[in-house]
Amino acid sequence: MKTHKDLDVWKKAISFVSDIYKITESFPDSELFGLTNQIRRASVPIPSNIAEGAARTSLKEFNQFLSIALGSIAEIETQLIIAMNLQFISTEKHKELTVKIDDIRKMLIGLKKSLQ
């Protein structure tokens, strides 16, 4: 591995953050400092923690940052269910995002296993 930018999981996570920002643009203005902000703030740490972990000098540290990214995945997954329940996103859009979340999660778990 050269840098975090060479990791497919980082690339997918970056793309996912862009998706989240685009989707939350349509949330009600009343949610700008509520769910919109919360979902956006939960998405950014996913690729950020992958990058920071990859830059660390020990595999143990890298593994810890991947664990933090997994926590952010669970957080955003929960927030997207709330957004769907409030009808801020459609069931179809939720399913589409869930597929992406599951893919990133599987890749993170696989990367963690490869570090052990």
N, C-alpha and C. Protein backbone atom coordinates (compact mmCIF):
# COMPACT_ATOMS: atom_id res chain seq x y z
N MET A 1 0.83 -1.18 0.00
CA MET A 1 0.00 0.00 0.00
C MET A 1 0.88 1.25 0.00
N LYS A 2 0.58 2.17 -0.87
CA LYS A 2 1.34 3.42 -0.93
C LYS A 2 0.77 4.43 0.06
N THR A 3 -0.50 4.80 -0.11
CA THR A 3 -1.18 5.71 0.82
C THR A 3 -2.63 5.27 0.95
N HIS A 4 -3.34 5.97 1.80
CA HIS A 4 -4.77 5.69 1.97
C HIS A 4 -5.54 5.87 0.67
N LYS A 5 -5.04 6.74 -0.21
CA LYS A 5 -5.73 7.00 -1.48
C LYS A 5 -5.70 5.79 -2.41
N ASP A 6 -4.87 4.81 -2.10
CA ASP A 6 -4.81 3.58 -2.89
C ASP A 6 -5.81 2.53 -2.40
N LEU A 7 -6.43 2.77 -1.26
CA LEU A 7 -7.37 1.80 -0.69
C LEU A 7 -8.76 1.96 -1.31
N ASP A 8 -9.29 0.87 -1.84
CA ASP A 8 -10.63 0.91 -2.44
C ASP A 8 -11.69 1.32 -1.44
N VAL A 9 -11.55 0.89 -0.20
CA VAL A 9 -12.54 1.24 0.83
C VAL A 9 -12.53 2.75 1.09
N TRP A 10 -11.38 3.37 1.04
CA TRP A 10 -11.31 4.82 1.21
C TRP A 10 -12.01 5.52 0.05
N LYS A 11 -11.77 5.04 -1.18
CA LYS A 11 -12.42 5.62 -2.36
C LYS A 11 -13.93 5.50 -2.28
N LYS A 12 -14.43 4.34 -1.86
CA LYS A 12 -15.87 4.15 -1.72
C LYS A 12 -16.43 5.04 -0.62
N ALA A 13 -15.69 5.20 0.45
CA ALA A 13 -16.15 6.05 1.55
C ALA A 13 -16.21 7.52 1.13
N ILE A 14 -15.24 7.96 0.35
CA ILE A 14 -15.25 9.33 -0.18
C ILE A 14 -16.49 9.55 -1.05
N SER A 15 -16.77 8.61 -1.92
CA SER A 15 -17.95 8.69 -2.79
C SER A 15 -19.23 8.71 -1.96
N PHE A 16 -19.26 7.90 -0.90
CA PHE A 16 -20.43 7.84 -0.03
C PHE A 16 -20.67 9.19 0.65
N VAL A 17 -19.63 9.85 1.09
CA VAL A 17 -19.77 11.18 1.71
C VAL A 17 -20.41 12.15 0.72
N SER A 18 -19.97 12.11 -0.53
CA SER A 18 -20.57 12.97 -1.56
C SER A 18 -22.05 12.66 -1.73
N ASP A 19 -22.39 11.38 -1.73
CA ASP A 19 -23.80 10.97 -1.83
C ASP A 19 -24.61 11.56 -0.67
N ILE A 20 -24.07 11.46 0.52
CA ILE A 20 -24.76 11.95 1.72
C ILE A 20 -24.99 13.46 1.62
N TYR A 21 -23.98 14.20 1.20
CA TYR A 21 -24.15 15.65 1.08
C TYR A 21 -25.22 16.00 0.05
N LYS A 22 -25.24 15.30 -1.07
CA LYS A 22 -26.25 15.56 -2.10
C LYS A 22 -27.65 15.23 -1.60
N ILE A 23 -27.79 14.10 -0.93
CA ILE A 23 -29.10 13.66 -0.45
C ILE A 23 -29.63 14.60 0.62
N THR A 24 -28.78 15.03 1.52
CA THR A 24 -29.24 15.87 2.62
C THR A 24 -29.57 17.30 2.18
N GLU A 25 -29.18 17.68 0.97
CA GLU A 25 -29.57 19.00 0.45
C GLU A 25 -31.08 19.14 0.37
N SER A 26 -31.78 18.02 0.19
CA SER A 26 -33.24 18.06 0.05
C SER A 26 -33.97 17.95 1.39
N PHE A 27 -33.24 17.80 2.48
CA PHE A 27 -33.88 17.74 3.81
C PHE A 27 -34.51 19.10 4.12
N PRO A 28 -35.52 19.12 4.96
CA PRO A 28 -36.15 20.41 5.31
C PRO A 28 -35.14 21.38 5.94
N ASP A 29 -35.34 22.66 5.67
CA ASP A 29 -34.46 23.68 6.24
C ASP A 29 -34.44 23.62 7.76
N SER A 30 -35.54 23.20 8.34
CA SER A 30 -35.62 23.12 9.80
C SER A 30 -34.64 22.08 10.37
N GLU A 31 -34.13 21.20 9.51
CA GLU A 31 -33.19 20.16 9.95
C GLU A 31 -31.73 20.52 9.69
N LEU A 32 -31.49 21.74 9.20
CA LEU A 32 -30.12 22.13 8.86
C LEU A 32 -29.16 21.93 10.04
N PHE A 33 -29.60 22.28 11.23
CA PHE A 33 -28.75 22.11 12.42
C PHE A 33 -29.13 20.88 13.22
N GLY A 34 -30.00 20.06 12.65
CA GLY A 34 -30.44 18.83 13.29
C GLY A 34 -29.91 17.62 12.54
N LEU A 35 -30.83 16.88 11.94
CA LEU A 35 -30.46 15.62 11.29
C LEU A 35 -29.53 15.83 10.10
N THR A 36 -29.73 16.90 9.33
CA THR A 36 -28.85 17.16 8.19
C THR A 36 -27.40 17.26 8.66
N ASN A 37 -27.18 18.09 9.65
CA ASN A 37 -25.84 18.29 10.19
C ASN A 37 -25.29 17.00 10.80
N GLN A 38 -26.14 16.28 11.52
CA GLN A 38 -25.70 15.06 12.20
C GLN A 38 -25.26 13.99 11.20
N ILE A 39 -26.05 13.80 10.14
CA ILE A 39 -25.71 12.79 9.13
C ILE A 39 -24.42 13.17 8.41
N ARG A 40 -24.30 14.43 8.06
CA ARG A 40 -23.07 14.87 7.39
C ARG A 40 -21.86 14.69 8.29
N ARG A 41 -22.01 15.05 9.56
CA ARG A 41 -20.90 14.93 10.51
C ARG A 41 -20.53 13.47 10.78
N ALA A 42 -21.48 12.57 10.62
CA ALA A 42 -21.19 11.15 10.81
C ALA A 42 -20.51 10.54 9.59
N SER A 43 -20.77 11.10 8.41
CA SER A 43 -20.21 10.51 7.19
C SER A 43 -18.74 10.87 6.97
N VAL A 44 -18.36 12.08 7.27
CA VAL A 44 -17.00 12.55 7.01
C VAL A 44 -15.92 11.75 7.75
N PRO A 45 -16.15 11.34 9.00
CA PRO A 45 -15.11 10.57 9.70
C PRO A 45 -14.82 9.19 9.11
N ILE A 46 -15.71 8.68 8.28
CA ILE A 46 -15.45 7.34 7.72
C ILE A 46 -14.17 7.35 6.89
N PRO A 47 -14.10 8.13 5.79
CA PRO A 47 -12.83 8.14 5.04
C PRO A 47 -11.70 8.81 5.81
N SER A 48 -12.04 9.77 6.66
CA SER A 48 -11.00 10.47 7.43
C SER A 48 -10.26 9.52 8.37
N ASN A 49 -10.99 8.66 9.05
CA ASN A 49 -10.34 7.71 9.96
C ASN A 49 -9.58 6.63 9.21
N ILE A 50 -10.06 6.25 8.05
CA ILE A 50 -9.31 5.30 7.21
C ILE A 50 -7.96 5.94 6.85
N ALA A 51 -8.02 7.20 6.42
CA ALA A 51 -6.79 7.91 6.03
C ALA A 51 -5.84 8.08 7.20
N GLU A 52 -6.37 8.52 8.33
CA GLU A 52 -5.50 8.74 9.49
C GLU A 52 -4.88 7.44 9.97
N GLY A 53 -5.68 6.38 10.00
CA GLY A 53 -5.16 5.08 10.42
C GLY A 53 -4.07 4.57 9.50
N ALA A 54 -4.28 4.74 8.19
CA ALA A 54 -3.29 4.27 7.22
C ALA A 54 -1.97 5.03 7.35
N ALA A 55 -2.05 6.26 7.83
CA ALA A 55 -0.84 7.07 7.99
C ALA A 55 -0.07 6.75 9.27
N ARG A 56 -0.68 6.01 10.16
CA ARG A 56 -0.03 5.65 11.42
C ARG A 56 1.07 4.63 11.18
N THR A 57 1.98 4.55 12.12
CA THR A 57 3.14 3.67 11.93
C THR A 57 2.92 2.25 12.43
N SER A 58 1.86 2.02 13.19
CA SER A 58 1.64 0.66 13.68
C SER A 58 0.31 0.10 13.17
N LEU A 59 0.29 -1.20 12.97
CA LEU A 59 -0.93 -1.87 12.53
C LEU A 59 -2.01 -1.79 13.61
N LYS A 60 -1.60 -1.80 14.86
CA LYS A 60 -2.55 -1.69 15.96
C LYS A 60 -3.31 -0.36 15.89
N GLU A 61 -2.58 0.71 15.62
CA GLU A 61 -3.22 2.02 15.50
C GLU A 61 -4.14 2.06 14.28
N PHE A 62 -3.68 1.53 13.16
CA PHE A 62 -4.49 1.48 11.95
C PHE A 62 -5.79 0.74 12.24
N ASN A 63 -5.68 -0.39 12.91
CA ASN A 63 -6.84 -1.20 13.26
C ASN A 63 -7.82 -0.40 14.13
N GLN A 64 -7.29 0.37 15.07
CA GLN A 64 -8.13 1.18 15.95
C GLN A 64 -8.91 2.22 15.15
N PHE A 65 -8.27 2.87 14.20
CA PHE A 65 -8.95 3.88 13.39
C PHE A 65 -10.00 3.24 12.48
N LEU A 66 -9.75 2.02 12.03
CA LEU A 66 -10.77 1.32 11.25
C LEU A 66 -11.97 0.99 12.12
N SER A 67 -11.73 0.68 13.38
CA SER A 67 -12.83 0.43 14.33
C SER A 67 -13.67 1.69 14.52
N ILE A 68 -13.02 2.82 14.58
CA ILE A 68 -13.74 4.10 14.71
C ILE A 68 -14.58 4.35 13.46
N ALA A 69 -14.03 4.05 12.29
CA ALA A 69 -14.79 4.20 11.04
C ALA A 69 -16.01 3.29 11.05
N LEU A 70 -15.86 2.08 11.57
CA LEU A 70 -17.01 1.17 11.68
C LEU A 70 -18.08 1.74 12.61
N GLY A 71 -17.66 2.40 13.66
CA GLY A 71 -18.61 3.05 14.56
C GLY A 71 -19.39 4.15 13.85
N SER A 72 -18.70 4.91 13.01
CA SER A 72 -19.37 5.95 12.23
C SER A 72 -20.36 5.36 11.24
N ILE A 73 -20.02 4.20 10.69
CA ILE A 73 -20.94 3.50 9.78
C ILE A 73 -22.24 3.17 10.52
N ALA A 74 -22.13 2.63 11.73
CA ALA A 74 -23.32 2.28 12.51
C ALA A 74 -24.14 3.53 12.85
N GLU A 75 -23.44 4.61 13.16
CA GLU A 75 -24.11 5.86 13.49
C GLU A 75 -24.92 6.38 12.30
N ILE A 76 -24.30 6.43 11.14
CA ILE A 76 -25.00 6.96 9.96
C ILE A 76 -26.11 6.02 9.51
N GLU A 77 -25.92 4.74 9.68
CA GLU A 77 -26.96 3.77 9.34
C GLU A 77 -28.22 4.05 10.17
N THR A 78 -28.04 4.33 11.44
CA THR A 78 -29.14 4.66 12.34
C THR A 78 -29.82 5.96 11.92
N GLN A 79 -29.02 6.96 11.60
CA GLN A 79 -29.57 8.26 11.21
C GLN A 79 -30.33 8.18 9.90
N LEU A 80 -29.90 7.33 8.99
CA LEU A 80 -30.62 7.17 7.73
C LEU A 80 -31.96 6.47 7.93
N ILE A 81 -32.04 5.58 8.89
CA ILE A 81 -33.33 4.96 9.22
C ILE A 81 -34.28 6.04 9.75
N ILE A 82 -33.77 6.91 10.60
CA ILE A 82 -34.58 8.02 11.12
C ILE A 82 -35.04 8.91 9.97
N ALA A 83 -34.13 9.24 9.05
CA ALA A 83 -34.48 10.08 7.90
C ALA A 83 -35.57 9.42 7.05
N MET A 84 -35.48 8.12 6.88
CA MET A 84 -36.50 7.40 6.11
C MET A 84 -37.83 7.41 6.87
N ASN A 85 -37.79 7.16 8.16
CA ASN A 85 -39.01 7.15 8.96
C ASN A 85 -39.71 8.51 8.96
N LEU A 86 -38.92 9.58 8.87
CA LEU A 86 -39.47 10.94 8.80
C LEU A 86 -39.82 11.34 7.36
N GLN A 87 -39.60 10.43 6.44
CA GLN A 87 -39.88 10.62 5.01
C GLN A 87 -39.02 11.73 4.38
N PHE A 88 -37.81 11.88 4.90
CA PHE A 88 -36.85 12.79 4.29
C PHE A 88 -36.17 12.12 3.11
N ILE A 89 -36.09 10.78 3.15
CA ILE A 89 -35.59 10.00 2.02
C ILE A 89 -36.58 8.87 1.76
N SER A 90 -36.63 8.43 0.52
CA SER A 90 -37.53 7.35 0.15
C SER A 90 -36.98 6.00 0.61
N THR A 91 -37.85 5.03 0.63
CA THR A 91 -37.43 3.66 0.97
C THR A 91 -36.40 3.18 -0.04
N GLU A 92 -36.60 3.53 -1.30
CA GLU A 92 -35.67 3.11 -2.36
C GLU A 92 -34.29 3.74 -2.15
N LYS A 93 -34.27 5.02 -1.82
CA LYS A 93 -32.99 5.71 -1.58
C LYS A 93 -32.31 5.11 -0.34
N HIS A 94 -33.10 4.79 0.66
CA HIS A 94 -32.54 4.17 1.87
C HIS A 94 -31.91 2.83 1.52
N LYS A 95 -32.58 2.04 0.71
CA LYS A 95 -32.03 0.73 0.30
C LYS A 95 -30.73 0.91 -0.46
N GLU A 96 -30.71 1.89 -1.36
CA GLU A 96 -29.50 2.17 -2.15
C GLU A 96 -28.33 2.54 -1.24
N LEU A 97 -28.58 3.38 -0.27
CA LEU A 97 -27.53 3.80 0.66
C LEU A 97 -27.10 2.65 1.57
N THR A 98 -28.06 1.82 1.96
CA THR A 98 -27.75 0.67 2.81
C THR A 98 -26.82 -0.31 2.11
N VAL A 99 -27.02 -0.49 0.81
CA VAL A 99 -26.13 -1.36 0.03
C VAL A 99 -24.70 -0.80 0.07
N LYS A 100 -24.57 0.51 -0.09
CA LYS A 100 -23.25 1.14 -0.04
C LYS A 100 -22.63 1.03 1.35
N ILE A 101 -23.45 1.23 2.37
CA ILE A 101 -22.97 1.10 3.75
C ILE A 101 -22.48 -0.32 4.01
N ASP A 102 -23.27 -1.30 3.60
CA ASP A 102 -22.89 -2.70 3.81
C ASP A 102 -21.59 -3.04 3.09
N ASP A 103 -21.43 -2.49 1.89
CA ASP A 103 -20.21 -2.74 1.11
C ASP A 103 -18.99 -2.15 1.83
N ILE A 104 -19.12 -0.92 2.29
CA ILE A 104 -18.01 -0.28 3.01
C ILE A 104 -17.71 -1.04 4.30
N ARG A 105 -18.75 -1.43 5.02
CA ARG A 105 -18.56 -2.18 6.27
C ARG A 105 -17.80 -3.48 6.02
N LYS A 106 -18.21 -4.23 5.01
CA LYS A 106 -17.54 -5.49 4.68
C LYS A 106 -16.07 -5.27 4.33
N MET A 107 -15.82 -4.20 3.58
CA MET A 107 -14.44 -3.90 3.20
C MET A 107 -13.60 -3.51 4.42
N LEU A 108 -14.19 -2.73 5.33
CA LEU A 108 -13.47 -2.35 6.55
C LEU A 108 -13.16 -3.57 7.40
N ILE A 109 -14.14 -4.45 7.55
CA ILE A 109 -13.92 -5.67 8.34
C ILE A 109 -12.84 -6.53 7.70
N GLY A 110 -12.89 -6.65 6.38
CA GLY A 110 -11.86 -7.42 5.67
C GLY A 110 -10.47 -6.82 5.84
N LEU A 111 -10.40 -5.49 5.77
CA LEU A 111 -9.11 -4.82 5.96
C LEU A 111 -8.61 -5.03 7.39
N LYS A 112 -9.50 -4.92 8.37
CA LYS A 112 -9.11 -5.16 9.76
C LYS A 112 -8.56 -6.57 9.93
N LYS A 113 -9.22 -7.55 9.35
CA LYS A 113 -8.76 -8.94 9.46
C LYS A 113 -7.39 -9.12 8.82
N SER A 114 -7.15 -8.41 7.72
CA SER A 114 -5.86 -8.54 7.04
C SER A 114 -4.72 -7.94 7.85
N LEU A 115 -5.04 -7.06 8.79
CA LEU A 115 -4.01 -6.42 9.61
C LEU A 115 -3.63 -7.25 10.82
N GLN A 116 -4.39 -8.28 11.11
CA GLN A 116 -4.14 -9.09 12.31
C GLN A 116 -3.13 -10.18 12.05
